[in-house]
């Protein structure tokens, strides 16, 4: 069975600036494509989707073009999710500079760090997501669980857009909090233009002591709510290495769905990503 990693990053500090790395000294080094390819190959991962690594905005255009050039040069990266200033007045000018590329599949502009819980429902932001949809680009939603009510309102306002929820909406796994995340996930899953990534969950658990049983209720809920046809596996490498190595996360997900049919597992590990990102 093919495995596609639908969410990983890499970055080169000499080329771009990543201010957020100052808060994570364990990650504050270069993570290059060949580093990812080595761990992915060891785990049987065939292809992947690169997602923007939250460079400082001044480097957003260059980062996306760089990732596209690497994707075009080799077989590993099947698609790129770049950065764009969604919600800003210069979004259309930025997208014109970015241009069109067959490997550019979508855009992510982080919402998780915004202090305003309704940030993504501001008229300018909604208009920006609508602009992406008009260009055939999906939007990756990276939020904490407390921001899900606003995400639901955003999605309802732009039914023509394709959305993917990163990291299962970052539930409160470390504290065992499942509500109201569970109810919000069910409501979001009721909107057919949204899929969900089974990714980034280990870093929402206790990094040094988590067990598979801690994650199981959240994994099961996502699959129950969205169905296998609307969930996709992702590693969130290298951020995930704060809490687990690549193989442990992959095996945790594989064990959680071992009773699923081969068709259901195929959808989770490659089918949904292939369809959603048009790989």
C-alpha atoms as a PDB file:
ATOM      1  CA  UNK A   1       0.000   0.000   0.000  1.00  0.00           C
ATOM      2  CA  UNK A   2       1.350   3.403  -0.969  1.00  0.00           C
ATOM      3  CA  UNK A   3       1.931   5.901   1.828  1.00  0.00           C
ATOM      4  CA  UNK A   4       1.766   9.620   1.108  1.00  0.00           C
ATOM      5  CA  UNK A   5       2.842  12.039   3.808  1.00  0.00           C
ATOM      6  CA  UNK A   6       0.376  14.885   3.292  1.00  0.00           C
ATOM      7  CA  UNK A   7       2.042  17.296   5.698  1.00  0.00           C
ATOM      8  CA  UNK A   8       5.719  17.881   6.268  1.00  0.00           C
ATOM      9  CA  UNK A   9       8.043  20.875   6.348  1.00  0.00           C
ATOM     10  CA  UNK A  10      11.684  21.601   5.748  1.00  0.00           C
ATOM     11  CA  UNK A  11      13.717  24.749   5.980  1.00  0.00           C
ATOM     12  CA  UNK A  12      17.102  26.328   5.468  1.00  0.00           C
ATOM     13  CA  UNK A  13      17.993  29.087   7.927  1.00  0.00           C
ATOM     14  CA  UNK A  14      20.728  30.547   5.753  1.00  0.00           C
ATOM     15  CA  UNK A  15      18.170  31.115   3.028  1.00  0.00           C
ATOM     16  CA  UNK A  16      15.089  32.213   5.001  1.00  0.00           C
ATOM     17  CA  UNK A  17      14.212  33.559   8.451  1.00  0.00           C
ATOM     18  CA  UNK A  18      12.016  31.579  10.833  1.00  0.00           C
ATOM     19  CA  UNK A  19      11.441  33.756  13.895  1.00  0.00           C
ATOM     20  CA  UNK A  20       9.256  31.122  15.568  1.00  0.00           C
ATOM     21  CA  UNK A  21      12.240  28.777  15.903  1.00  0.00           C
ATOM     22  CA  UNK A  22      13.616  30.925  18.725  1.00  0.00           C
ATOM     23  CA  UNK A  23      10.972  29.368  20.951  1.00  0.00           C
ATOM     24  CA  UNK A  24      11.978  25.815  19.975  1.00  0.00           C
ATOM     25  CA  UNK A  25      15.752  25.426  20.318  1.00  0.00           C
ATOM     26  CA  UNK A  26      15.511  21.671  19.651  1.00  0.00           C
ATOM     27  CA  UNK A  27      14.306  22.490  16.126  1.00  0.00           C
ATOM     28  CA  UNK A  28      16.594  25.436  15.502  1.00  0.00           C
ATOM     29  CA  UNK A  29      18.708  23.906  12.746  1.00  0.00           C
ATOM     30  CA  UNK A  30      18.393  23.189   9.055  1.00  0.00           C
ATOM     31  CA  UNK A  31      15.982  20.458   7.967  1.00  0.00           C
ATOM     32  CA  UNK A  32      16.536  19.835   4.279  1.00  0.00           C
ATOM     33  CA  UNK A  33      14.777  17.786   1.658  1.00  0.00           C
ATOM     34  CA  UNK A  34      17.359  14.998   1.753  1.00  0.00           C
ATOM     35  CA  UNK A  35      16.866  14.748   5.548  1.00  0.00           C
ATOM     36  CA  UNK A  36      13.156  14.197   5.020  1.00  0.00           C
ATOM     37  CA  UNK A  37      13.717  11.771   2.165  1.00  0.00           C
ATOM     38  CA  UNK A  38      15.960   9.625   4.332  1.00  0.00           C
ATOM     39  CA  UNK A  39      13.466   9.169   7.180  1.00  0.00           C
ATOM     40  CA  UNK A  40      10.538   8.833   4.793  1.00  0.00           C
ATOM     41  CA  UNK A  41      12.281   6.176   2.712  1.00  0.00           C
ATOM     42  CA  UNK A  42      13.158   4.197   5.844  1.00  0.00           C
ATOM     43  CA  UNK A  43       9.458   4.156   6.745  1.00  0.00           C
ATOM     44  CA  UNK A  44       8.181   3.239   3.298  1.00  0.00           C
ATOM     45  CA  UNK A  45       6.741   6.651   2.444  1.00  0.00           C
ATOM     46  CA  UNK A  46       6.682   7.127  -1.312  1.00  0.00           C
ATOM     47  CA  UNK A  47       5.494  10.686  -1.904  1.00  0.00           C
ATOM     48  CA  UNK A  48       4.670  13.787   0.074  1.00  0.00           C
ATOM     49  CA  UNK A  49       3.147  17.253   0.266  1.00  0.00           C
ATOM     50  CA  UNK A  50       5.370  20.091   1.455  1.00  0.00           C
ATOM     51  CA  UNK A  51       3.571  22.694   3.569  1.00  0.00           C
ATOM     52  CA  UNK A  52       4.998  26.160   4.137  1.00  0.00           C
ATOM     53  CA  UNK A  53       7.241  26.303   7.187  1.00  0.00           C
ATOM     54  CA  UNK A  54       6.071  29.668   8.529  1.00  0.00           C
ATOM     55  CA  UNK A  55       8.961  31.742   7.314  1.00  0.00           C
ATOM     56  CA  UNK A  56       8.755  35.412   8.192  1.00  0.00           C
ATOM     57  CA  UNK A  57       6.305  36.982   5.708  1.00  0.00           C
ATOM     58  CA  UNK A  58       9.036  38.805   3.801  1.00  0.00           C
ATOM     59  CA  UNK A  59      10.324  35.380   2.681  1.00  0.00           C
ATOM     60  CA  UNK A  60       6.979  33.789   1.872  1.00  0.00           C
ATOM     61  CA  UNK A  61       7.184  34.213  -1.884  1.00  0.00           C
ATOM     62  CA  UNK A  62      10.764  32.944  -2.114  1.00  0.00           C
ATOM     63  CA  UNK A  63      10.029  29.948   0.100  1.00  0.00           C
ATOM     64  CA  UNK A  64       7.170  28.783  -2.094  1.00  0.00           C
ATOM     65  CA  UNK A  65       9.155  29.179  -5.305  1.00  0.00           C
ATOM     66  CA  UNK A  66      12.091  27.347  -3.727  1.00  0.00           C
ATOM     67  CA  UNK A  67       9.869  24.460  -2.650  1.00  0.00           C
ATOM     68  CA  UNK A  68       8.338  24.271  -6.116  1.00  0.00           C
ATOM     69  CA  UNK A  69      11.786  24.102  -7.711  1.00  0.00           C
ATOM     70  CA  UNK A  70      12.780  21.225  -5.415  1.00  0.00           C
ATOM     71  CA  UNK A  71       9.506  19.437  -6.115  1.00  0.00           C
ATOM     72  CA  UNK A  72       9.986  19.766  -9.844  1.00  0.00           C
ATOM     73  CA  UNK A  73      13.541  18.415  -9.635  1.00  0.00           C
ATOM     74  CA  UNK A  74      12.717  15.116  -7.925  1.00  0.00           C
ATOM     75  CA  UNK A  75      10.028  12.502  -7.405  1.00  0.00           C
ATOM     76  CA  UNK A  76       9.374  12.842  -3.667  1.00  0.00           C
ATOM     77  CA  UNK A  77       7.350  16.041  -3.360  1.00  0.00           C
ATOM     78  CA  UNK A  78       4.101  15.580  -5.257  1.00  0.00           C
ATOM     79  CA  UNK A  79       2.562  18.883  -4.212  1.00  0.00           C
ATOM     80  CA  UNK A  80       3.318  22.170  -2.460  1.00  0.00           C
ATOM     81  CA  UNK A  81       1.173  24.231  -0.105  1.00  0.00           C
ATOM     82  CA  UNK A  82       2.687  27.693  -0.115  1.00  0.00           C
ATOM     83  CA  UNK A  83       2.256  30.838   1.910  1.00  0.00           C
ATOM     84  CA  UNK A  84       0.231  33.875   0.887  1.00  0.00           C
ATOM     85  CA  UNK A  85      -0.923  36.994   2.765  1.00  0.00           C
ATOM     86  CA  UNK A  86      -4.553  35.915   3.018  1.00  0.00           C
ATOM     87  CA  UNK A  87      -6.576  38.787   4.417  1.00  0.00           C
ATOM     88  CA  UNK A  88      -4.148  41.468   3.255  1.00  0.00           C
ATOM     89  CA  UNK A  89      -4.874  44.051   0.574  1.00  0.00           C
ATOM     90  CA  UNK A  90      -1.962  42.882  -1.554  1.00  0.00           C
ATOM     91  CA  UNK A  91      -3.064  39.236  -1.800  1.00  0.00           C
ATOM     92  CA  UNK A  92      -3.935  39.365  -5.500  1.00  0.00           C
ATOM     93  CA  UNK A  93      -0.669  41.105  -6.368  1.00  0.00           C
ATOM     94  CA  UNK A  94       1.206  38.456  -4.380  1.00  0.00           C
ATOM     95  CA  UNK A  95      -0.569  35.628  -6.189  1.00  0.00           C
ATOM     96  CA  UNK A  96       0.237  37.224  -9.527  1.00  0.00           C
ATOM     97  CA  UNK A  97       3.923  37.261  -8.581  1.00  0.00           C
ATOM     98  CA  UNK A  98       3.686  33.658  -7.457  1.00  0.00           C
ATOM     99  CA  UNK A  99       2.159  32.679 -10.762  1.00  0.00           C
ATOM    100  CA  UNK A 100       0.741  29.304 -11.681  1.00  0.00           C
ATOM    101  CA  UNK A 101       2.545  26.015 -11.294  1.00  0.00           C
ATOM    102  CA  UNK A 102       1.140  22.490 -11.641  1.00  0.00           C
ATOM    103  CA  UNK A 103       2.678  21.460  -8.317  1.00  0.00           C
ATOM    104  CA  UNK A 104       1.233  24.391  -6.361  1.00  0.00           C
ATOM    105  CA  UNK A 105      -1.861  22.873  -4.783  1.00  0.00           C
ATOM    106  CA  UNK A 106      -2.878  25.205  -2.001  1.00  0.00           C
ATOM    107  CA  UNK A 107      -2.061  27.922   0.502  1.00  0.00           C
ATOM    108  CA  UNK A 108      -1.608  28.080   4.241  1.00  0.00           C
ATOM    109  CA  UNK A 109      -1.597  31.270   6.250  1.00  0.00           C
ATOM    110  CA  UNK A 110      -1.402  30.392   9.960  1.00  0.00           C
ATOM    111  CA  UNK A 111      -4.394  31.330  12.098  1.00  0.00           C
ATOM    112  CA  UNK A 112      -3.347  29.612  15.341  1.00  0.00           C
ATOM    113  CA  UNK A 113      -1.267  32.532  16.639  1.00  0.00           C
ATOM    114  CA  UNK A 114      -3.892  35.226  16.140  1.00  0.00           C
ATOM    115  CA  UNK A 115      -5.162  36.654  19.469  1.00  0.00           C
ATOM    116  CA  UNK A 116      -8.553  37.541  17.985  1.00  0.00           C
ATOM    117  CA  UNK A 117     -10.613  34.310  18.072  1.00  0.00           C
ATOM    118  CA  UNK A 118     -12.690  35.607  15.170  1.00  0.00           C
ATOM    119  CA  UNK A 119      -9.712  36.602  13.033  1.00  0.00           C
ATOM    120  CA  UNK A 120     -10.521  34.210  10.196  1.00  0.00           C
ATOM    121  CA  UNK A 121     -14.084  35.529   9.884  1.00  0.00           C
ATOM    122  CA  UNK A 122     -13.035  39.105   9.216  1.00  0.00           C
ATOM    123  CA  UNK A 123     -14.401  40.249   5.838  1.00  0.00           C
ATOM    124  CA  UNK A 124     -10.931  40.691   4.332  1.00  0.00           C
ATOM    125  CA  UNK A 125      -9.868  37.196   5.329  1.00  0.00           C
ATOM    126  CA  UNK A 126     -13.036  35.631   3.982  1.00  0.00           C
ATOM    127  CA  UNK A 127     -12.534  37.529   0.713  1.00  0.00           C
ATOM    128  CA  UNK A 128      -8.951  36.259   0.572  1.00  0.00           C
ATOM    129  CA  UNK A 129     -10.022  32.625   0.894  1.00  0.00           C
ATOM    130  CA  UNK A 130     -12.622  33.234  -1.806  1.00  0.00           C
ATOM    131  CA  UNK A 131      -9.823  34.566  -4.028  1.00  0.00           C
ATOM    132  CA  UNK A 132      -7.842  31.357  -3.506  1.00  0.00           C
ATOM    133  CA  UNK A 133     -10.854  29.284  -4.489  1.00  0.00           C
ATOM    134  CA  UNK A 134     -11.223  31.243  -7.694  1.00  0.00           C
ATOM    135  CA  UNK A 135      -7.645  30.269  -8.562  1.00  0.00           C
ATOM    136  CA  UNK A 136      -8.194  26.608  -7.788  1.00  0.00           C
ATOM    137  CA  UNK A 137      -6.105  26.662  -4.598  1.00  0.00           C
ATOM    138  CA  UNK A 138      -7.166  24.906  -1.410  1.00  0.00           C
ATOM    139  CA  UNK A 139      -6.677  26.422   2.052  1.00  0.00           C
ATOM    140  CA  UNK A 140      -4.961  24.673   4.966  1.00  0.00           C
ATOM    141  CA  UNK A 141      -6.528  25.579   8.315  1.00  0.00           C
ATOM    142  CA  UNK A 142      -3.963  25.509  11.125  1.00  0.00           C
ATOM    143  CA  UNK A 143      -5.771  26.409  14.357  1.00  0.00           C
ATOM    144  CA  UNK A 144      -6.081  25.470  17.981  1.00  0.00           C
ATOM    145  CA  UNK A 145      -9.265  23.736  19.091  1.00  0.00           C
ATOM    146  CA  UNK A 146     -10.608  26.906  20.716  1.00  0.00           C
ATOM    147  CA  UNK A 147     -10.647  28.571  17.282  1.00  0.00           C
ATOM    148  CA  UNK A 148     -12.841  25.935  15.648  1.00  0.00           C
ATOM    149  CA  UNK A 149     -16.134  27.859  16.038  1.00  0.00           C
ATOM    150  CA  UNK A 150     -14.711  30.682  13.889  1.00  0.00           C
ATOM    151  CA  UNK A 151     -13.357  28.144  11.388  1.00  0.00           C
ATOM    152  CA  UNK A 152     -16.827  26.674  11.007  1.00  0.00           C
ATOM    153  CA  UNK A 153     -18.236  30.116  10.266  1.00  0.00           C
ATOM    154  CA  UNK A 154     -15.470  30.761   7.709  1.00  0.00           C
ATOM    155  CA  UNK A 155     -16.126  27.504   5.898  1.00  0.00           C
ATOM    156  CA  UNK A 156     -19.855  28.188   5.768  1.00  0.00           C
ATOM    157  CA  UNK A 157     -19.172  31.559   4.138  1.00  0.00           C
ATOM    158  CA  UNK A 158     -17.010  30.118   1.362  1.00  0.00           C
ATOM    159  CA  UNK A 159     -18.707  26.885   0.252  1.00  0.00           C
ATOM    160  CA  UNK A 160     -16.881  27.006  -3.073  1.00  0.00           C
ATOM    161  CA  UNK A 161     -13.472  26.655  -1.377  1.00  0.00           C
ATOM    162  CA  UNK A 162     -11.695  23.417  -0.483  1.00  0.00           C
ATOM    163  CA  UNK A 163     -10.398  23.309   3.089  1.00  0.00           C
ATOM    164  CA  UNK A 164      -8.199  20.893   5.000  1.00  0.00           C
ATOM    165  CA  UNK A 165      -7.980  21.002   8.786  1.00  0.00           C
ATOM    166  CA  UNK A 166      -4.369  20.540   9.870  1.00  0.00           C
ATOM    167  CA  UNK A 167      -3.476  18.405  12.884  1.00  0.00           C
ATOM    168  CA  UNK A 168      -7.099  17.471  13.654  1.00  0.00           C
ATOM    169  CA  UNK A 169      -7.686  20.993  14.952  1.00  0.00           C
ATOM    170  CA  UNK A 170      -5.047  20.654  17.686  1.00  0.00           C
ATOM    171  CA  UNK A 171      -7.196  19.154  20.459  1.00  0.00           C
ATOM    172  CA  UNK A 172      -6.237  19.365  24.127  1.00  0.00           C
ATOM    173  CA  UNK A 173      -4.702  15.904  24.288  1.00  0.00           C
ATOM    174  CA  UNK A 174      -2.203  16.719  27.047  1.00  0.00           C
ATOM    175  CA  UNK A 175      -5.015  17.626  29.439  1.00  0.00           C
ATOM    176  CA  UNK A 176      -7.434  14.973  28.226  1.00  0.00           C
ATOM    177  CA  UNK A 177      -9.919  17.604  27.075  1.00  0.00           C
ATOM    178  CA  UNK A 178     -12.205  16.227  24.384  1.00  0.00           C
ATOM    179  CA  UNK A 179     -15.164  18.613  24.541  1.00  0.00           C
ATOM    180  CA  UNK A 180     -16.083  20.973  22.996  1.00  0.00           C
ATOM    181  CA  UNK A 181     -13.475  19.898  20.397  1.00  0.00           C
ATOM    182  CA  UNK A 182     -15.434  16.700  19.673  1.00  0.00           C
ATOM    183  CA  UNK A 183     -18.679  18.556  18.995  1.00  0.00           C
ATOM    184  CA  UNK A 184     -16.933  21.141  16.839  1.00  0.00           C
ATOM    185  CA  UNK A 185     -15.214  18.406  14.803  1.00  0.00           C
ATOM    186  CA  UNK A 186     -18.569  16.771  14.139  1.00  0.00           C
ATOM    187  CA  UNK A 187     -20.060  20.078  13.038  1.00  0.00           C
ATOM    188  CA  UNK A 188     -17.108  20.844  10.783  1.00  0.00           C
ATOM    189  CA  UNK A 189     -17.225  17.357   9.286  1.00  0.00           C
ATOM    190  CA  UNK A 190     -20.823  18.046   8.316  1.00  0.00           C
ATOM    191  CA  UNK A 191     -19.511  20.558   5.771  1.00  0.00           C
ATOM    192  CA  UNK A 192     -18.559  18.556   2.705  1.00  0.00           C
ATOM    193  CA  UNK A 193     -15.833  20.922   1.465  1.00  0.00           C
ATOM    194  CA  UNK A 194     -13.560  20.079   4.432  1.00  0.00           C
ATOM    195  CA  UNK A 195     -11.149  17.180   4.924  1.00  0.00           C
ATOM    196  CA  UNK A 196      -8.909  16.541   7.916  1.00  0.00           C
ATOM    197  CA  UNK A 197      -5.261  15.672   8.389  1.00  0.00           C
ATOM    198  CA  UNK A 198      -4.320  13.003  10.900  1.00  0.00           C
ATOM    199  CA  UNK A 199      -1.100  14.805  11.701  1.00  0.00           C
ATOM    200  CA  UNK A 200       0.633  16.833  14.386  1.00  0.00           C
ATOM    201  CA  UNK A 201      -1.197  15.143  17.252  1.00  0.00           C
ATOM    202  CA  UNK A 202       1.813  13.931  19.217  1.00  0.00           C
ATOM    203  CA  UNK A 203       2.915  17.495  19.910  1.00  0.00           C
ATOM    204  CA  UNK A 204      -0.509  18.210  21.432  1.00  0.00           C
ATOM    205  CA  UNK A 205       0.104  15.360  23.888  1.00  0.00           C
ATOM    206  CA  UNK A 206       2.701  15.267  26.679  1.00  0.00           C
ATOM    207  CA  UNK A 207       5.893  15.161  24.637  1.00  0.00           C
ATOM    208  CA  UNK A 208       7.991  12.838  26.787  1.00  0.00           C
ATOM    209  CA  UNK A 209       5.343  10.534  28.235  1.00  0.00           C
ATOM    210  CA  UNK A 210       2.486  10.131  25.734  1.00  0.00           C
ATOM    211  CA  UNK A 211       1.100   6.708  24.948  1.00  0.00           C
ATOM    212  CA  UNK A 212      -0.946   5.524  21.999  1.00  0.00           C
ATOM    213  CA  UNK A 213      -3.965   5.232  24.311  1.00  0.00           C
ATOM    214  CA  UNK A 214      -3.796   8.983  24.947  1.00  0.00           C
ATOM    215  CA  UNK A 215      -4.276   9.678  21.241  1.00  0.00           C
ATOM    216  CA  UNK A 216      -6.774   6.933  20.408  1.00  0.00           C
ATOM    217  CA  UNK A 217     -10.003   8.781  21.390  1.00  0.00           C
ATOM    218  CA  UNK A 218      -9.042  11.741  19.200  1.00  0.00           C
ATOM    219  CA  UNK A 219      -7.951   9.611  16.249  1.00  0.00           C
ATOM    220  CA  UNK A 220     -11.146   7.576  16.440  1.00  0.00           C
ATOM    221  CA  UNK A 221     -13.321  10.672  16.647  1.00  0.00           C
ATOM    222  CA  UNK A 222     -11.761  12.247  13.567  1.00  0.00           C
ATOM    223  CA  UNK A 223     -12.249   9.081  11.536  1.00  0.00           C
ATOM    224  CA  UNK A 224     -15.825   8.628  12.774  1.00  0.00           C
ATOM    225  CA  UNK A 225     -16.716  12.226  11.993  1.00  0.00           C
ATOM    226  CA  UNK A 226     -15.087  12.607   8.577  1.00  0.00           C
ATOM    227  CA  UNK A 227     -14.944   9.015   7.376  1.00  0.00           C
ATOM    228  CA  UNK A 228     -11.877   7.437   5.776  1.00  0.00           C
ATOM    229  CA  UNK A 229     -12.619   9.157   2.486  1.00  0.00           C
ATOM    230  CA  UNK A 230     -11.978  12.580   4.054  1.00  0.00           C
ATOM    231  CA  UNK A 231      -8.959  11.985   6.297  1.00  0.00           C
ATOM    232  CA  UNK A 232      -5.306  11.879   5.277  1.00  0.00           C
ATOM    233  CA  UNK A 233      -2.107  10.867   7.025  1.00  0.00           C
ATOM    234  CA  UNK A 234       0.584  13.467   7.688  1.00  0.00           C
ATOM    235  CA  UNK A 235       3.714  13.501   9.831  1.00  0.00           C
ATOM    236  CA  UNK A 236       4.240  17.200  10.572  1.00  0.00           C
ATOM    237  CA  UNK A 237       7.945  16.343  10.414  1.00  0.00           C
ATOM    238  CA  UNK A 238      10.223  17.794  11.766  1.00  0.00           C
ATOM    239  CA  UNK A 239       7.990  19.554  14.324  1.00  0.00           C
ATOM    240  CA  UNK A 240       6.688  16.129  15.323  1.00  0.00           C
ATOM    241  CA  UNK A 241      10.195  15.100  16.423  1.00  0.00           C
ATOM    242  CA  UNK A 242       9.685  17.151  19.575  1.00  0.00           C
ATOM    243  CA  UNK A 243       7.502  14.271  20.772  1.00  0.00           C
ATOM    244  CA  UNK A 244       8.195  11.237  18.566  1.00  0.00           C
ATOM    245  CA  UNK A 245      10.339   9.965  15.759  1.00  0.00           C
ATOM    246  CA  UNK A 246       8.782   9.462  12.355  1.00  0.00           C
ATOM    247  CA  UNK A 247       8.367   5.699  12.616  1.00  0.00           C
ATOM    248  CA  UNK A 248       6.661   5.794  15.998  1.00  0.00           C
ATOM    249  CA  UNK A 249       4.000   8.228  14.785  1.00  0.00           C
ATOM    250  CA  UNK A 250       3.380   6.255  11.603  1.00  0.00           C
ATOM    251  CA  UNK A 251       3.089   2.987  13.510  1.00  0.00           C
ATOM    252  CA  UNK A 252       0.743   4.613  16.033  1.00  0.00           C
ATOM    253  CA  UNK A 253      -1.650   5.564  13.260  1.00  0.00           C
ATOM    254  CA  UNK A 254      -1.301   2.181  11.538  1.00  0.00           C
ATOM    255  CA  UNK A 255      -2.118   0.369  14.775  1.00  0.00           C
ATOM    256  CA  UNK A 256      -5.134   2.603  15.409  1.00  0.00           C
ATOM    257  CA  UNK A 257      -6.699   1.604  12.085  1.00  0.00           C
ATOM    258  CA  UNK A 258      -5.524  -2.007  11.837  1.00  0.00           C
ATOM    259  CA  UNK A 259      -9.118  -3.276  11.922  1.00  0.00           C
ATOM    260  CA  UNK A 260     -10.192  -1.061   9.036  1.00  0.00           C
ATOM    261  CA  UNK A 261     -10.588  -2.547   5.569  1.00  0.00           C
ATOM    262  CA  UNK A 262      -7.741  -2.355   3.087  1.00  0.00           C
ATOM    263  CA  UNK A 263      -9.766   0.158   1.082  1.00  0.00           C
ATOM    264  CA  UNK A 264     -10.270   2.382   4.148  1.00  0.00           C
ATOM    265  CA  UNK A 265      -6.594   2.261   5.009  1.00  0.00           C
ATOM    266  CA  UNK A 266      -5.699   3.111   1.425  1.00  0.00           C
ATOM    267  CA  UNK A 267      -7.887   6.212   1.610  1.00  0.00           C
ATOM    268  CA  UNK A 268      -6.234   7.368   4.834  1.00  0.00           C
ATOM    269  CA  UNK A 269      -2.663   6.752   3.733  1.00  0.00           C
ATOM    270  CA  UNK A 270      -2.844   7.892   0.106  1.00  0.00           C
ATOM    271  CA  UNK A 271      -6.266   8.129  -1.511  1.00  0.00           C
ATOM    272  CA  UNK A 272      -7.626  11.230   0.189  1.00  0.00           C
ATOM    273  CA  UNK A 273      -4.398  13.162  -0.270  1.00  0.00           C
ATOM    274  CA  UNK A 274      -4.212  12.181  -3.925  1.00  0.00           C
ATOM    275  CA  UNK A 275      -7.754  13.355  -4.580  1.00  0.00           C
ATOM    276  CA  UNK A 276      -7.758  16.496  -2.437  1.00  0.00           C
ATOM    277  CA  UNK A 277      -4.377  17.829  -3.528  1.00  0.00           C
ATOM    278  CA  UNK A 278      -4.782  16.546  -7.098  1.00  0.00           C
ATOM    279  CA  UNK A 279      -1.472  14.687  -6.962  1.00  0.00           C
END
